[in-house]
Amino acid sequence: MARSSKRTTSTPPAPAPVEIPSIQPPVTERERQYWLVKSEPKVFSIHHLNKCQEQTACWDGVRNYQARNFLRDDFKLGDQVLFYHSNAEPPGIAGIAEVVREGYPDHTAFDPNDHHFDPKSKPENPTWFMVDLKLVRIFPEVISLEKLKQTPGLEHMLVTRRGMRLSVQPVTKEEWQVIESLENELKKTRAEDSQARG
């Protein structure tokens, strides 16, 4: 509150205000971020990831600059990732993975025998980057793209946009929470069906 600068000679000056330190702890760590990555299940599905050593694999072969930038600059340890099956029937989210290694050079770009080979990318000056993902869990069934489009709260989710082909996409915390609620609905339905069958 503003205080008047006027005072009489009979009134002692007000004491200097005491600075109260903030009780909020300093922000020292970046908040967890959320992502979606796409893969064709016939090439590499969430079930392939499940069979990998320690259920972990490098996410290689990304050859789009915007997606590359996300992998190189923005994916951080502990970030959560929706594993999306593209070109599938139905296309949709099959489960969740976690970032266990941050961006590093994509070695497939250096291999002439790999179909992701890029002669312009050099080990000393790499163009393409990848991260390591570890499986967290597989959903009881795929949450289809059609279901995503029909679900309130996902109206602006990038994967639901027509023509959105980017294979690495950011997901908001609010969208993530909606996806988790859809997963819980699947689990509840599966449990009820199991009980009904006895």
N, C-alpha and C. Protein backbone atom coordinates (compact mmCIF):
# COMPACT_ATOMS: atom_id res chain seq x y z
N MET A 1 0.85 -1.19 0.00
CA MET A 1 0.00 0.00 0.00
C MET A 1 0.88 1.24 0.00
N ALA A 2 0.49 2.28 -0.76
CA ALA A 2 1.24 3.53 -0.81
C ALA A 2 1.11 4.23 0.52
N ARG A 3 2.16 4.85 0.98
CA ARG A 3 2.16 5.56 2.26
C ARG A 3 2.51 7.02 2.02
N SER A 4 1.81 7.95 2.73
CA SER A 4 2.04 9.38 2.56
C SER A 4 3.43 9.74 3.03
N SER A 5 4.06 10.65 2.31
CA SER A 5 5.40 11.10 2.71
C SER A 5 5.33 12.19 3.76
N LYS A 6 4.12 12.67 4.08
CA LYS A 6 3.96 13.73 5.07
C LYS A 6 3.93 13.15 6.47
N ARG A 7 4.59 13.81 7.42
CA ARG A 7 4.49 13.43 8.82
C ARG A 7 4.75 14.67 9.68
N THR A 8 4.17 14.72 10.88
CA THR A 8 4.35 15.87 11.76
C THR A 8 5.59 15.64 12.61
N THR A 9 6.06 16.72 13.24
CA THR A 9 7.25 16.62 14.08
C THR A 9 6.97 15.81 15.33
N SER A 10 5.66 15.66 15.73
CA SER A 10 5.32 14.93 16.95
C SER A 10 5.18 13.43 16.72
N THR A 11 5.21 13.00 15.45
CA THR A 11 5.05 11.58 15.14
C THR A 11 6.38 11.00 14.72
N PRO A 12 6.86 9.95 15.40
CA PRO A 12 8.15 9.36 15.02
C PRO A 12 8.05 8.69 13.66
N PRO A 13 9.14 8.68 12.96
CA PRO A 13 9.11 8.04 11.64
C PRO A 13 8.79 6.55 11.74
N ALA A 14 8.08 6.05 10.75
CA ALA A 14 7.74 4.62 10.73
C ALA A 14 9.00 3.80 10.51
N PRO A 15 9.08 2.63 11.12
CA PRO A 15 10.26 1.79 10.93
C PRO A 15 10.35 1.30 9.48
N ALA A 16 11.57 1.06 9.06
CA ALA A 16 11.75 0.56 7.69
C ALA A 16 11.09 -0.80 7.56
N PRO A 17 10.45 -1.04 6.43
CA PRO A 17 9.78 -2.33 6.24
C PRO A 17 10.78 -3.47 6.27
N VAL A 18 10.35 -4.58 6.86
CA VAL A 18 11.20 -5.77 6.93
C VAL A 18 10.91 -6.64 5.72
N GLU A 19 11.95 -7.00 5.00
CA GLU A 19 11.77 -7.84 3.82
C GLU A 19 11.56 -9.29 4.24
N ILE A 20 10.45 -9.87 3.83
CA ILE A 20 10.13 -11.24 4.17
C ILE A 20 10.55 -12.15 3.02
N PRO A 21 11.44 -13.08 3.27
CA PRO A 21 11.88 -13.94 2.18
C PRO A 21 10.76 -14.83 1.68
N SER A 22 10.81 -15.17 0.41
CA SER A 22 9.80 -16.04 -0.17
C SER A 22 9.90 -17.43 0.44
N ILE A 23 8.75 -18.04 0.71
CA ILE A 23 8.74 -19.40 1.23
C ILE A 23 8.75 -20.44 0.11
N GLN A 24 8.67 -19.96 -1.14
CA GLN A 24 8.68 -20.87 -2.26
C GLN A 24 10.11 -21.32 -2.54
N PRO A 25 10.33 -22.62 -2.70
CA PRO A 25 11.69 -23.09 -3.02
C PRO A 25 12.10 -22.64 -4.40
N PRO A 26 13.38 -22.41 -4.63
CA PRO A 26 13.82 -21.99 -5.96
C PRO A 26 13.55 -23.09 -6.98
N VAL A 27 13.24 -22.67 -8.19
CA VAL A 27 13.01 -23.63 -9.26
C VAL A 27 14.36 -24.05 -9.82
N THR A 28 14.75 -25.28 -9.55
CA THR A 28 16.06 -25.74 -9.98
C THR A 28 15.97 -26.81 -11.06
N GLU A 29 14.79 -27.39 -11.24
CA GLU A 29 14.64 -28.44 -12.22
C GLU A 29 13.51 -28.10 -13.18
N ARG A 30 13.70 -28.50 -14.41
CA ARG A 30 12.68 -28.30 -15.42
C ARG A 30 11.53 -29.26 -15.14
N GLU A 31 10.30 -28.77 -15.35
CA GLU A 31 9.14 -29.63 -15.17
C GLU A 31 9.11 -30.72 -16.23
N ARG A 32 8.56 -31.86 -15.85
CA ARG A 32 8.42 -32.96 -16.80
C ARG A 32 7.58 -32.52 -17.99
N GLN A 33 8.03 -32.92 -19.17
CA GLN A 33 7.31 -32.62 -20.40
C GLN A 33 6.72 -33.92 -20.97
N TYR A 34 5.78 -33.74 -21.89
CA TYR A 34 5.06 -34.87 -22.46
C TYR A 34 5.14 -34.81 -23.98
N TRP A 35 5.21 -36.00 -24.58
CA TRP A 35 5.44 -36.10 -26.01
C TRP A 35 4.63 -37.24 -26.61
N LEU A 36 4.56 -37.23 -27.92
CA LEU A 36 4.00 -38.34 -28.69
C LEU A 36 4.96 -38.65 -29.82
N VAL A 37 5.26 -39.93 -30.00
CA VAL A 37 6.08 -40.36 -31.14
C VAL A 37 5.30 -41.38 -31.94
N LYS A 38 5.50 -41.34 -33.24
CA LYS A 38 4.79 -42.25 -34.14
C LYS A 38 5.74 -43.31 -34.70
N SER A 39 5.21 -44.50 -34.84
CA SER A 39 5.95 -45.57 -35.49
C SER A 39 4.96 -46.53 -36.15
N GLU A 40 5.31 -47.03 -37.32
CA GLU A 40 4.49 -48.04 -37.96
C GLU A 40 4.73 -49.36 -37.24
N PRO A 41 3.68 -50.01 -36.75
CA PRO A 41 3.87 -51.23 -35.96
C PRO A 41 4.56 -52.36 -36.72
N LYS A 42 4.42 -52.39 -38.05
CA LYS A 42 5.11 -53.44 -38.80
C LYS A 42 6.62 -53.19 -38.85
N VAL A 43 7.03 -51.94 -38.60
CA VAL A 43 8.45 -51.59 -38.56
C VAL A 43 8.98 -51.70 -37.13
N PHE A 44 8.32 -51.01 -36.20
CA PHE A 44 8.72 -51.06 -34.79
C PHE A 44 7.51 -50.68 -33.95
N SER A 45 6.93 -51.67 -33.30
CA SER A 45 5.74 -51.46 -32.49
C SER A 45 6.11 -51.38 -31.01
N ILE A 46 5.13 -51.08 -30.20
CA ILE A 46 5.37 -51.05 -28.76
C ILE A 46 5.69 -52.45 -28.25
N HIS A 47 5.23 -53.47 -28.97
CA HIS A 47 5.53 -54.85 -28.58
C HIS A 47 6.98 -55.20 -28.92
N HIS A 48 7.51 -54.59 -29.98
CA HIS A 48 8.94 -54.74 -30.25
C HIS A 48 9.75 -54.11 -29.11
N LEU A 49 9.33 -52.94 -28.68
CA LEU A 49 10.02 -52.27 -27.58
C LEU A 49 10.00 -53.14 -26.33
N ASN A 50 8.88 -53.80 -26.10
CA ASN A 50 8.73 -54.67 -24.93
C ASN A 50 9.74 -55.83 -24.95
N LYS A 51 10.13 -56.25 -26.15
CA LYS A 51 11.04 -57.39 -26.29
C LYS A 51 12.51 -56.96 -26.32
N CYS A 52 12.77 -55.68 -26.38
CA CYS A 52 14.16 -55.20 -26.40
C CYS A 52 14.81 -55.41 -25.04
N GLN A 53 16.14 -55.47 -25.04
CA GLN A 53 16.87 -55.60 -23.79
C GLN A 53 16.53 -54.45 -22.87
N GLU A 54 16.13 -54.79 -21.65
CA GLU A 54 15.70 -53.81 -20.64
C GLU A 54 14.53 -52.97 -21.14
N GLN A 55 13.81 -53.49 -22.15
CA GLN A 55 12.64 -52.80 -22.71
C GLN A 55 12.99 -51.37 -23.15
N THR A 56 14.20 -51.24 -23.68
CA THR A 56 14.74 -49.93 -24.05
C THR A 56 15.30 -49.98 -25.46
N ALA A 57 15.08 -48.91 -26.23
CA ALA A 57 15.60 -48.84 -27.60
C ALA A 57 15.86 -47.39 -27.97
N CYS A 58 16.78 -47.21 -28.91
CA CYS A 58 17.02 -45.86 -29.43
C CYS A 58 15.93 -45.52 -30.44
N TRP A 59 15.53 -44.25 -30.44
CA TRP A 59 14.49 -43.78 -31.36
C TRP A 59 15.19 -43.13 -32.55
N ASP A 60 15.61 -43.98 -33.49
CA ASP A 60 16.42 -43.50 -34.60
C ASP A 60 15.58 -43.29 -35.86
N GLY A 61 16.23 -42.79 -36.89
CA GLY A 61 15.59 -42.69 -38.19
C GLY A 61 14.75 -41.45 -38.42
N VAL A 62 14.71 -40.53 -37.48
CA VAL A 62 13.92 -39.30 -37.66
C VAL A 62 14.65 -38.38 -38.63
N ARG A 63 13.96 -38.01 -39.71
CA ARG A 63 14.60 -37.20 -40.75
C ARG A 63 13.76 -35.97 -41.10
N ASN A 64 13.18 -35.40 -40.10
CA ASN A 64 12.45 -34.14 -40.21
C ASN A 64 13.11 -33.17 -39.24
N TYR A 65 13.40 -31.95 -39.71
CA TYR A 65 14.19 -31.03 -38.89
C TYR A 65 13.47 -30.60 -37.61
N GLN A 66 12.17 -30.36 -37.71
CA GLN A 66 11.45 -29.94 -36.50
C GLN A 66 11.42 -31.07 -35.47
N ALA A 67 11.16 -32.29 -35.95
CA ALA A 67 11.17 -33.44 -35.04
C ALA A 67 12.58 -33.64 -34.48
N ARG A 68 13.60 -33.49 -35.33
CA ARG A 68 14.99 -33.60 -34.88
C ARG A 68 15.29 -32.62 -33.76
N ASN A 69 14.80 -31.39 -33.92
CA ASN A 69 15.05 -30.37 -32.90
C ASN A 69 14.44 -30.76 -31.56
N PHE A 70 13.24 -31.33 -31.61
CA PHE A 70 12.62 -31.79 -30.37
C PHE A 70 13.50 -32.84 -29.69
N LEU A 71 13.95 -33.82 -30.47
CA LEU A 71 14.77 -34.90 -29.91
C LEU A 71 16.10 -34.37 -29.39
N ARG A 72 16.72 -33.50 -30.13
CA ARG A 72 18.05 -33.00 -29.78
C ARG A 72 18.01 -32.04 -28.61
N ASP A 73 17.02 -31.15 -28.60
CA ASP A 73 17.04 -30.02 -27.67
C ASP A 73 16.06 -30.13 -26.50
N ASP A 74 14.95 -30.83 -26.70
CA ASP A 74 13.84 -30.72 -25.75
C ASP A 74 13.51 -31.98 -24.97
N PHE A 75 13.80 -33.15 -25.53
CA PHE A 75 13.55 -34.38 -24.78
C PHE A 75 14.54 -34.47 -23.62
N LYS A 76 14.02 -34.64 -22.41
CA LYS A 76 14.87 -34.70 -21.23
C LYS A 76 14.55 -35.96 -20.43
N LEU A 77 15.52 -36.38 -19.61
CA LEU A 77 15.35 -37.57 -18.80
C LEU A 77 14.07 -37.49 -17.98
N GLY A 78 13.30 -38.57 -18.02
CA GLY A 78 12.06 -38.62 -17.24
C GLY A 78 10.84 -38.14 -17.98
N ASP A 79 11.02 -37.46 -19.11
CA ASP A 79 9.86 -37.05 -19.89
C ASP A 79 9.06 -38.29 -20.29
N GLN A 80 7.74 -38.13 -20.34
CA GLN A 80 6.84 -39.23 -20.68
C GLN A 80 6.39 -39.12 -22.14
N VAL A 81 6.26 -40.28 -22.77
CA VAL A 81 6.06 -40.32 -24.22
C VAL A 81 4.91 -41.26 -24.57
N LEU A 82 3.96 -40.78 -25.33
CA LEU A 82 2.89 -41.62 -25.87
C LEU A 82 3.41 -42.32 -27.11
N PHE A 83 3.27 -43.64 -27.14
CA PHE A 83 3.73 -44.44 -28.28
C PHE A 83 2.55 -44.65 -29.21
N TYR A 84 2.62 -44.04 -30.38
CA TYR A 84 1.50 -44.02 -31.33
C TYR A 84 1.79 -44.94 -32.51
N HIS A 85 0.86 -45.86 -32.79
CA HIS A 85 0.97 -46.72 -33.95
C HIS A 85 0.33 -46.03 -35.16
N SER A 86 1.15 -45.69 -36.15
CA SER A 86 0.64 -45.06 -37.37
C SER A 86 0.51 -46.11 -38.47
N ASN A 87 -0.26 -45.76 -39.50
CA ASN A 87 -0.49 -46.70 -40.61
C ASN A 87 -0.89 -48.07 -40.08
N ALA A 88 -1.81 -48.05 -39.12
CA ALA A 88 -2.29 -49.28 -38.51
C ALA A 88 -3.81 -49.29 -38.54
N GLU A 89 -4.39 -50.42 -38.18
CA GLU A 89 -5.84 -50.53 -38.10
C GLU A 89 -6.23 -50.99 -36.70
N PRO A 90 -6.68 -50.06 -35.85
CA PRO A 90 -6.76 -48.63 -36.11
C PRO A 90 -5.45 -47.95 -35.72
N PRO A 91 -5.18 -46.77 -36.27
CA PRO A 91 -4.06 -45.98 -35.75
C PRO A 91 -4.44 -45.44 -34.38
N GLY A 92 -3.46 -45.34 -33.51
CA GLY A 92 -3.77 -44.79 -32.19
C GLY A 92 -2.64 -44.99 -31.20
N ILE A 93 -2.90 -44.62 -29.96
CA ILE A 93 -1.90 -44.68 -28.89
C ILE A 93 -1.91 -46.06 -28.26
N ALA A 94 -0.75 -46.70 -28.29
CA ALA A 94 -0.65 -48.09 -27.81
C ALA A 94 -0.10 -48.20 -26.40
N GLY A 95 0.52 -47.14 -25.89
CA GLY A 95 1.09 -47.21 -24.56
C GLY A 95 1.99 -46.04 -24.26
N ILE A 96 2.82 -46.20 -23.25
CA ILE A 96 3.65 -45.11 -22.73
C ILE A 96 5.09 -45.57 -22.59
N ALA A 97 6.01 -44.68 -22.94
CA ALA A 97 7.44 -44.90 -22.74
C ALA A 97 8.01 -43.70 -21.98
N GLU A 98 9.26 -43.83 -21.60
CA GLU A 98 9.94 -42.76 -20.85
C GLU A 98 11.31 -42.51 -21.45
N VAL A 99 11.72 -41.26 -21.46
CA VAL A 99 13.05 -40.90 -21.96
C VAL A 99 14.10 -41.30 -20.92
N VAL A 100 15.02 -42.18 -21.33
CA VAL A 100 16.07 -42.62 -20.40
C VAL A 100 17.46 -42.20 -20.89
N ARG A 101 17.55 -41.65 -22.09
CA ARG A 101 18.79 -41.04 -22.54
C ARG A 101 18.44 -39.86 -23.44
N GLU A 102 19.04 -38.72 -23.18
CA GLU A 102 18.74 -37.52 -23.95
C GLU A 102 19.44 -37.54 -25.30
N GLY A 103 19.12 -36.55 -26.14
CA GLY A 103 19.54 -36.54 -27.52
C GLY A 103 21.03 -36.76 -27.75
N TYR A 104 21.34 -37.65 -28.69
CA TYR A 104 22.72 -37.91 -29.11
C TYR A 104 22.70 -38.28 -30.59
N PRO A 105 23.84 -38.22 -31.29
CA PRO A 105 23.84 -38.42 -32.74
C PRO A 105 23.24 -39.76 -33.17
N ASP A 106 22.43 -39.70 -34.22
CA ASP A 106 21.80 -40.89 -34.79
C ASP A 106 22.81 -41.60 -35.68
N HIS A 107 23.31 -42.73 -35.21
CA HIS A 107 24.37 -43.44 -35.93
C HIS A 107 23.89 -44.04 -37.25
N THR A 108 22.57 -44.23 -37.41
CA THR A 108 22.09 -44.81 -38.66
C THR A 108 22.34 -43.88 -39.84
N ALA A 109 22.51 -42.59 -39.57
CA ALA A 109 22.78 -41.63 -40.65
C ALA A 109 24.18 -41.81 -41.21
N PHE A 110 25.07 -42.47 -40.47
CA PHE A 110 26.45 -42.64 -40.91
C PHE A 110 26.68 -43.96 -41.66
N ASP A 111 25.68 -44.82 -41.65
CA ASP A 111 25.84 -46.17 -42.20
C ASP A 111 25.30 -46.24 -43.63
N PRO A 112 26.16 -46.42 -44.63
CA PRO A 112 25.71 -46.48 -46.03
C PRO A 112 24.75 -47.64 -46.30
N ASN A 113 24.77 -48.65 -45.44
CA ASN A 113 23.90 -49.80 -45.64
C ASN A 113 22.55 -49.66 -44.96
N ASP A 114 22.37 -48.57 -44.24
CA ASP A 114 21.10 -48.32 -43.56
C ASP A 114 20.22 -47.44 -44.44
N HIS A 115 18.92 -47.74 -44.49
CA HIS A 115 18.06 -46.94 -45.37
C HIS A 115 17.82 -45.54 -44.83
N HIS A 116 18.31 -45.25 -43.61
CA HIS A 116 18.26 -43.89 -43.08
C HIS A 116 19.58 -43.15 -43.28
N PHE A 117 20.46 -43.72 -44.07
CA PHE A 117 21.77 -43.11 -44.33
C PHE A 117 21.63 -41.72 -44.93
N ASP A 118 22.44 -40.79 -44.42
CA ASP A 118 22.48 -39.42 -44.95
C ASP A 118 23.94 -39.03 -45.13
N PRO A 119 24.44 -38.97 -46.36
CA PRO A 119 25.87 -38.68 -46.58
C PRO A 119 26.28 -37.31 -46.08
N LYS A 120 25.33 -36.41 -45.87
CA LYS A 120 25.67 -35.08 -45.40
C LYS A 120 25.89 -35.04 -43.88
N SER A 121 25.44 -36.07 -43.19
CA SER A 121 25.60 -36.12 -41.74
C SER A 121 26.90 -36.84 -41.41
N LYS A 122 27.77 -36.17 -40.68
CA LYS A 122 29.08 -36.71 -40.35
C LYS A 122 29.22 -36.88 -38.84
N PRO A 123 29.97 -37.89 -38.40
CA PRO A 123 30.15 -38.07 -36.95
C PRO A 123 30.68 -36.83 -36.25
N GLU A 124 31.55 -36.09 -36.93
CA GLU A 124 32.11 -34.88 -36.32
C GLU A 124 31.15 -33.69 -36.40
N ASN A 125 30.14 -33.80 -37.23
CA ASN A 125 29.15 -32.73 -37.37
C ASN A 125 27.79 -33.35 -37.72
N PRO A 126 27.18 -34.04 -36.77
CA PRO A 126 25.95 -34.80 -37.06
C PRO A 126 24.75 -33.90 -37.34
N THR A 127 23.94 -34.35 -38.26
CA THR A 127 22.71 -33.63 -38.59
C THR A 127 21.53 -34.16 -37.79
N TRP A 128 21.52 -35.48 -37.59
CA TRP A 128 20.35 -36.13 -37.01
C TRP A 128 20.64 -36.68 -35.62
N PHE A 129 19.62 -36.64 -34.77
CA PHE A 129 19.78 -37.05 -33.39
C PHE A 129 18.66 -38.01 -32.98
N MET A 130 18.92 -38.73 -31.91
CA MET A 130 17.93 -39.68 -31.40
C MET A 130 17.97 -39.67 -29.87
N VAL A 131 17.01 -40.33 -29.26
CA VAL A 131 16.97 -40.49 -27.82
C VAL A 131 16.74 -41.98 -27.53
N ASP A 132 16.91 -42.37 -26.29
CA ASP A 132 16.56 -43.73 -25.88
C ASP A 132 15.25 -43.69 -25.10
N LEU A 133 14.35 -44.62 -25.44
CA LEU A 133 13.06 -44.73 -24.77
C LEU A 133 12.96 -46.09 -24.09
N LYS A 134 12.37 -46.08 -22.90
CA LYS A 134 12.12 -47.31 -22.15
C LYS A 134 10.62 -47.49 -21.96
N LEU A 135 10.15 -48.69 -22.18
CA LEU A 135 8.72 -48.97 -22.03
C LEU A 135 8.28 -48.74 -20.59
N VAL A 136 7.15 -48.07 -20.43
CA VAL A 136 6.52 -47.91 -19.13
C VAL A 136 5.37 -48.90 -19.01
N ARG A 137 4.44 -48.87 -19.97
CA ARG A 137 3.34 -49.83 -19.97
C ARG A 137 2.65 -49.83 -21.32
N ILE A 138 2.00 -50.95 -21.60
CA ILE A 138 1.20 -51.11 -22.81
C ILE A 138 -0.27 -50.99 -22.41
N PHE A 139 -1.03 -50.24 -23.17
CA PHE A 139 -2.46 -50.08 -22.86
C PHE A 139 -3.20 -51.39 -23.12
N PRO A 140 -4.33 -51.60 -22.42
CA PRO A 140 -5.13 -52.82 -22.66
C PRO A 140 -5.55 -52.96 -24.12
N GLU A 141 -5.76 -51.84 -24.76
CA GLU A 141 -6.01 -51.81 -26.20
C GLU A 141 -5.64 -50.42 -26.72
N VAL A 142 -5.45 -50.34 -28.00
CA VAL A 142 -5.06 -49.06 -28.60
C VAL A 142 -6.19 -48.05 -28.44
N ILE A 143 -5.83 -46.84 -28.01
CA ILE A 143 -6.79 -45.73 -28.00
C ILE A 143 -6.76 -45.12 -29.40
N SER A 144 -7.80 -45.37 -30.16
CA SER A 144 -7.78 -45.05 -31.59
C SER A 144 -7.79 -43.55 -31.85
N LEU A 145 -7.31 -43.19 -33.02
CA LEU A 145 -7.34 -41.79 -33.44
C LEU A 145 -8.77 -41.28 -33.46
N GLU A 146 -9.70 -42.11 -33.88
CA GLU A 146 -11.10 -41.71 -33.90
C GLU A 146 -11.59 -41.38 -32.50
N LYS A 147 -11.19 -42.19 -31.51
CA LYS A 147 -11.57 -41.93 -30.12
C LYS A 147 -10.96 -40.62 -29.63
N LEU A 148 -9.71 -40.39 -30.00
CA LEU A 148 -9.05 -39.14 -29.61
C LEU A 148 -9.81 -37.94 -30.16
N LYS A 149 -10.24 -38.02 -31.39
CA LYS A 149 -10.95 -36.90 -32.03
C LYS A 149 -12.30 -36.64 -31.37
N GLN A 150 -12.89 -37.66 -30.77
CA GLN A 150 -14.21 -37.53 -30.17
C GLN A 150 -14.17 -37.14 -28.70
N THR A 151 -12.99 -37.10 -28.12
CA THR A 151 -12.86 -36.90 -26.67
C THR A 151 -12.69 -35.43 -26.31
N PRO A 152 -13.58 -34.89 -25.47
CA PRO A 152 -13.43 -33.50 -25.01
C PRO A 152 -12.08 -33.30 -24.32
N GLY A 153 -11.47 -32.17 -24.60
CA GLY A 153 -10.17 -31.86 -24.03
C GLY A 153 -9.01 -32.16 -24.96
N LEU A 154 -9.30 -32.88 -26.05
CA LEU A 154 -8.26 -33.21 -27.01
C LEU A 154 -8.48 -32.52 -28.36
N GLU A 155 -9.33 -31.50 -28.35
CA GLU A 155 -9.67 -30.83 -29.60
C GLU A 155 -8.46 -30.22 -30.30
N HIS A 156 -7.47 -29.82 -29.52
CA HIS A 156 -6.29 -29.16 -30.10
C HIS A 156 -5.05 -30.04 -30.08
N MET A 157 -5.21 -31.28 -29.71
CA MET A 157 -4.05 -32.20 -29.70
C MET A 157 -3.54 -32.35 -31.13
N LEU A 158 -2.23 -32.19 -31.29
CA LEU A 158 -1.65 -32.12 -32.63
C LEU A 158 -1.97 -33.35 -33.47
N VAL A 159 -1.94 -34.53 -32.86
CA VAL A 159 -2.13 -35.75 -33.63
C VAL A 159 -3.52 -35.85 -34.24
N THR A 160 -4.47 -35.11 -33.69
CA THR A 160 -5.84 -35.17 -34.21
C THR A 160 -6.06 -34.23 -35.39
N ARG A 161 -5.09 -33.40 -35.69
CA ARG A 161 -5.25 -32.42 -36.77
C ARG A 161 -5.07 -33.07 -38.13
N ARG A 162 -5.94 -32.73 -39.04
CA ARG A 162 -5.85 -33.27 -40.39
C ARG A 162 -4.52 -32.87 -41.04
N GLY A 163 -3.86 -33.83 -41.64
CA GLY A 163 -2.62 -33.55 -42.34
C GLY A 163 -1.39 -33.43 -41.45
N MET A 164 -1.55 -33.65 -40.13
CA MET A 164 -0.41 -33.55 -39.23
C MET A 164 0.43 -34.82 -39.33
N ARG A 165 1.57 -34.74 -39.99
CA ARG A 165 2.40 -35.91 -40.24
C ARG A 165 3.68 -35.93 -39.39
N LEU A 166 3.88 -34.91 -38.58
CA LEU A 166 5.08 -34.84 -37.77
C LEU A 166 5.16 -36.06 -36.85
N SER A 167 6.30 -36.74 -36.86
CA SER A 167 6.42 -38.01 -36.12
C SER A 167 6.80 -37.82 -34.66
N VAL A 168 7.17 -36.62 -34.28
CA VAL A 168 7.47 -36.30 -32.89
C VAL A 168 6.70 -35.03 -32.55
N GLN A 169 5.85 -35.11 -31.53
CA GLN A 169 4.95 -34.00 -31.24
C GLN A 169 4.89 -33.72 -29.74
N PRO A 170 4.85 -32.45 -29.36
CA PRO A 170 4.62 -32.14 -27.94
C PRO A 170 3.17 -32.39 -27.56
N VAL A 171 2.98 -32.75 -26.31
CA VAL A 171 1.64 -32.99 -25.74
C VAL A 171 1.53 -32.14 -24.48
N THR A 172 0.41 -31.47 -24.28
CA THR A 172 0.26 -30.66 -23.07
C THR A 172 -0.04 -31.55 -21.87
N LYS A 173 0.21 -31.02 -20.69
CA LYS A 173 -0.07 -31.76 -19.46
C LYS A 173 -1.55 -32.09 -19.37
N GLU A 174 -2.39 -31.14 -19.79
CA GLU A 174 -3.84 -31.36 -19.74
C GLU A 174 -4.25 -32.48 -20.69
N GLU A 175 -3.67 -32.50 -21.88
CA GLU A 175 -3.97 -33.59 -22.83
C GLU A 175 -3.50 -34.93 -22.27
N TRP A 176 -2.33 -34.93 -21.65
CA TRP A 176 -1.81 -36.15 -21.05
C TRP A 176 -2.79 -36.71 -20.01
N GLN A 177 -3.32 -35.83 -19.19
CA GLN A 177 -4.25 -36.26 -18.15
C GLN A 177 -5.52 -36.84 -18.75
N VAL A 178 -5.98 -36.29 -19.87
CA VAL A 178 -7.15 -36.85 -20.54
C VAL A 178 -6.84 -38.25 -21.07
N ILE A 179 -5.65 -38.42 -21.64
CA ILE A 179 -5.25 -39.73 -22.14
C ILE A 179 -5.22 -40.73 -20.99
N GLU A 180 -4.69 -40.34 -19.85
CA GLU A 180 -4.65 -41.23 -18.70
C GLU A 180 -6.05 -41.63 -18.26
N SER A 181 -7.00 -40.70 -18.34
CA SER A 181 -8.38 -41.04 -17.98
C SER A 181 -8.97 -42.04 -18.96
N LEU A 182 -8.63 -41.91 -20.24
CA LEU A 182 -9.09 -42.88 -21.23
C LEU A 182 -8.48 -44.25 -20.95
N GLU A 183 -7.21 -44.27 -20.58
CA GLU A 183 -6.56 -45.54 -20.23
C GLU A 183 -7.26 -46.17 -19.04
N ASN A 184 -7.59 -45.39 -18.03
CA ASN A 184 -8.27 -45.93 -16.85
C ASN A 184 -9.63 -46.50 -17.21
N GLU A 185 -10.32 -45.86 -18.15
CA GLU A 185 -11.60 -46.39 -18.61
C GLU A 185 -11.42 -47.75 -19.27
N LEU A 186 -10.36 -47.89 -20.05
CA LEU A 186 -10.07 -49.17 -20.69
C LEU A 186 -9.80 -50.25 -19.64
N LYS A 187 -9.02 -49.91 -18.64
CA LYS A 187 -8.70 -50.87 -17.58
C LYS A 187 -9.97 -51.29 -16.83
N LYS A 188 -10.84 -50.33 -16.56
CA LYS A 188 -12.09 -50.62 -15.85
C LYS A 188 -12.97 -51.54 -16.69
N THR A 189 -13.10 -51.24 -17.97
CA THR A 189 -13.91 -52.07 -18.85
C THR A 189 -13.35 -53.47 -18.95
N ARG A 190 -12.03 -53.58 -19.07
CA ARG A 190 -11.39 -54.89 -19.16
C ARG A 190 -11.64 -55.71 -17.88
N ALA A 191 -11.54 -55.04 -16.73
CA ALA A 191 -11.78 -55.72 -15.46
C ALA A 191 -13.23 -56.18 -15.33
N GLU A 192 -14.17 -55.33 -15.74
CA GLU A 192 -15.58 -55.70 -15.69
C GLU A 192 -15.88 -56.87 -16.61
N ASP A 193 -15.29 -56.86 -17.79
CA ASP A 193 -15.50 -57.98 -18.74
C ASP A 193 -14.94 -59.27 -18.17
N SER A 194 -13.80 -59.16 -17.50
CA SER A 194 -13.18 -60.35 -16.91
C SER A 194 -14.04 -60.93 -15.80
N GLN A 195 -14.62 -60.04 -14.98
CA GLN A 195 -15.50 -60.50 -13.91
C GLN A 195 -16.75 -61.12 -14.46
N ALA A 196 -17.29 -60.54 -15.54
CA ALA A 196 -18.52 -61.07 -16.12
C ALA A 196 -18.30 -62.47 -16.69
N ARG A 197 -17.11 -62.73 -17.17
CA ARG A 197 -16.82 -64.06 -17.72
C ARG A 197 -16.55 -65.08 -16.63
N GLY A 198 -16.38 -64.53 -15.39
CA GLY A 198 -16.16 -65.42 -14.26
C GLY A 198 -14.78 -65.99 -14.22
